[in-house]
Structures are given as C-alpha cells and as structure tokens.
C-alpha cells in the first residue's frame, strides 16, 4: 500500500516529490522548509522562526495522514550552520517533549530558497485499540 499525502496546510511541493507518503503504516514526510503555506515564502525571524514553521508544516502533513508528532519515530534535521543547533533544538523540543523520536542533525552547504533549516520525519499511524473498532 502506497498513498500520497497532500494538504493545503503545508507548502506545495516545489519539485518532483510529494509532501508525504503513507506506506505500510509509516508516514514519510518530504523535507520541510520554514515556508508559510499562505504566502509561499520563507518566514522571517531566523532559525527559530524557520524551525517553528517547518514543524508546523510537518504537523499539517502528519495530521492529513492520520497521525502526529507523538507517533514520530525518526527525524532528520539539515542545518546550514551547525552553530544554530541550540536555537533549533529549543524550538524542536516544543514539538517532541513528550516522547522524542530518534534524530539526526547534519550540516549542509545550502538549502533550497536560501533556507536555514530543513526537517523530515518518519512517523507511524496510531494503533486503533480493538475495543474501539
């Protein structure tokens, strides 16, 4: 089973990819920049603002797929400047404080549109208890 996930609450793909894919109970998001889906532009305010918007975009994609960050099992964070790690981490923790997923963070030379950060997530679908079927 493979299903494309698409929502207007996250920026549309700017290339040949889907916002997310649901496959065999896992949701894979495309890397999300700090783009405001209403304007199509990167949010202003530096790494914290871009991190917050990227996480909002991820949350919207996961919601469209029927899951949330509570069910995230792996995130990958791409930073153009590793000295921004602490600022990014402060905002990231707002989204994963209950049960943080495994995470990698890597420095990259540059990102599309001059973004400072890109984040991708793998999450699972919640298990429906048999009593609620």
Protein backbone atom coordinates (compact mmCIF):
# COMPACT_ATOMS: atom_id res chain seq x y z
CA UNK A 1 0.00 0.00 0.00
CA UNK A 2 1.32 3.43 -1.00
CA UNK A 3 -0.72 6.61 -0.70
CA UNK A 4 0.28 10.19 -1.48
CA UNK A 5 -0.44 12.64 1.33
CA UNK A 6 -1.28 16.20 0.34
CA UNK A 7 -2.65 19.12 2.35
CA UNK A 8 -3.17 22.81 1.68
CA UNK A 9 -1.98 23.47 5.25
CA UNK A 10 1.63 22.88 4.20
CA UNK A 11 3.52 24.35 1.25
CA UNK A 12 3.03 22.59 -2.07
CA UNK A 13 5.98 20.61 -3.40
CA UNK A 14 8.47 22.80 -5.28
CA UNK A 15 9.78 19.88 -7.30
CA UNK A 16 9.00 16.34 -8.36
CA UNK A 17 8.05 14.96 -4.95
CA UNK A 18 5.06 14.56 -2.65
CA UNK A 19 4.54 16.31 0.69
CA UNK A 20 4.24 12.89 2.26
CA UNK A 21 3.80 9.21 1.53
CA UNK A 22 1.87 6.68 3.60
CA UNK A 23 3.24 3.18 3.11
CA UNK A 24 2.66 0.07 5.24
CA UNK A 25 1.66 2.03 8.34
CA UNK A 26 4.53 4.54 8.10
CA UNK A 27 4.29 8.18 7.04
CA UNK A 28 7.36 9.67 5.37
CA UNK A 29 7.37 13.44 5.00
CA UNK A 30 9.38 15.30 2.43
CA UNK A 31 11.87 17.70 3.93
CA UNK A 32 10.06 20.81 5.08
CA UNK A 33 11.50 24.30 4.99
CA UNK A 34 10.18 27.21 7.01
CA UNK A 35 7.81 28.24 4.22
CA UNK A 36 4.49 29.80 5.13
CA UNK A 37 1.90 27.90 3.04
CA UNK A 38 -0.26 31.06 2.75
CA UNK A 39 2.48 33.21 1.20
CA UNK A 40 4.79 30.60 -0.33
CA UNK A 41 7.76 32.43 1.17
CA UNK A 42 10.25 31.66 3.92
CA UNK A 43 9.18 33.15 7.22
CA UNK A 44 11.28 35.96 8.64
CA UNK A 45 12.94 35.77 12.02
CA UNK A 46 15.92 33.48 11.57
CA UNK A 47 16.45 29.88 12.61
CA UNK A 48 13.84 29.83 15.38
CA UNK A 49 11.05 31.13 13.13
CA UNK A 50 12.03 28.80 10.27
CA UNK A 51 12.23 25.80 12.62
CA UNK A 52 8.79 26.59 14.06
CA UNK A 53 7.25 26.92 10.58
CA UNK A 54 8.92 23.74 9.32
CA UNK A 55 7.47 21.88 12.32
CA UNK A 56 4.01 23.38 11.67
CA UNK A 57 4.25 22.16 8.08
CA UNK A 58 5.26 18.69 9.23
CA UNK A 59 2.41 18.62 11.76
CA UNK A 60 -0.06 19.50 8.99
CA UNK A 61 1.21 16.70 6.74
CA UNK A 62 1.14 14.17 9.58
CA UNK A 63 -2.40 15.24 10.52
CA UNK A 64 -3.52 14.81 6.90
CA UNK A 65 -2.11 11.27 7.06
CA UNK A 66 -3.90 10.49 10.35
CA UNK A 67 -1.00 10.76 12.77
CA UNK A 68 1.04 13.35 14.68
CA UNK A 69 4.47 14.08 16.13
CA UNK A 70 3.51 11.88 19.09
CA UNK A 71 3.98 8.96 16.68
CA UNK A 72 7.20 10.20 15.08
CA UNK A 73 9.94 7.56 15.16
CA UNK A 74 12.74 9.39 13.30
CA UNK A 75 13.54 12.95 12.32
CA UNK A 76 16.39 14.29 10.25
CA UNK A 77 17.38 17.94 10.58
CA UNK A 78 19.52 19.67 7.98
CA UNK A 79 21.16 22.93 9.11
CA UNK A 80 23.19 25.34 7.01
CA UNK A 81 25.04 26.44 10.16
CA UNK A 82 25.63 23.98 12.99
CA UNK A 83 26.11 26.90 15.38
CA UNK A 84 22.30 27.29 15.10
CA UNK A 85 21.78 23.87 16.71
CA UNK A 86 20.87 25.14 20.20
CA UNK A 87 18.32 27.64 18.83
CA UNK A 88 16.81 24.97 16.59
CA UNK A 89 16.72 22.46 19.43
CA UNK A 90 14.87 24.89 21.71
CA UNK A 91 12.00 25.18 19.19
CA UNK A 92 12.15 21.49 18.20
CA UNK A 93 11.61 20.50 21.85
CA UNK A 94 8.26 22.34 21.81
CA UNK A 95 7.05 19.64 19.40
CA UNK A 96 8.59 16.47 20.88
CA UNK A 97 8.79 16.99 24.64
CA UNK A 98 6.52 14.02 25.49
CA UNK A 99 8.33 11.28 23.60
CA UNK A 100 11.20 12.42 21.38
CA UNK A 101 11.89 10.32 18.31
CA UNK A 102 15.34 9.25 17.20
CA UNK A 103 17.03 12.15 15.43
CA UNK A 104 19.97 13.01 13.23
CA UNK A 105 21.19 16.56 12.65
CA UNK A 106 23.65 17.33 9.90
CA UNK A 107 25.23 20.45 8.47
CA UNK A 108 24.75 21.08 4.77
CA UNK A 109 26.28 23.67 2.48
CA UNK A 110 22.96 25.17 1.39
CA UNK A 111 19.23 24.50 1.15
CA UNK A 112 16.57 25.47 -1.41
CA UNK A 113 15.41 29.09 -1.39
CA UNK A 114 18.25 30.03 0.97
CA UNK A 115 16.53 28.31 3.91
CA UNK A 116 18.46 27.85 7.15
CA UNK A 117 16.84 24.53 8.06
CA UNK A 118 15.01 21.57 6.54
CA UNK A 119 13.36 18.82 8.59
CA UNK A 120 11.94 15.45 7.53
CA UNK A 121 10.03 12.97 9.66
CA UNK A 122 9.08 9.30 9.66
CA UNK A 123 6.03 8.53 11.80
CA UNK A 124 3.76 5.56 12.36
CA UNK A 125 -0.01 5.51 12.27
CA UNK A 126 -1.65 5.19 15.68
CA UNK A 127 -2.85 1.71 16.51
CA UNK A 128 -6.60 1.59 16.98
CA UNK A 129 -7.43 -0.40 20.11
CA UNK A 130 -9.63 -3.43 19.32
CA UNK A 131 -12.33 -2.15 21.71
CA UNK A 132 -12.89 0.93 19.53
CA UNK A 133 -13.41 -0.98 16.28
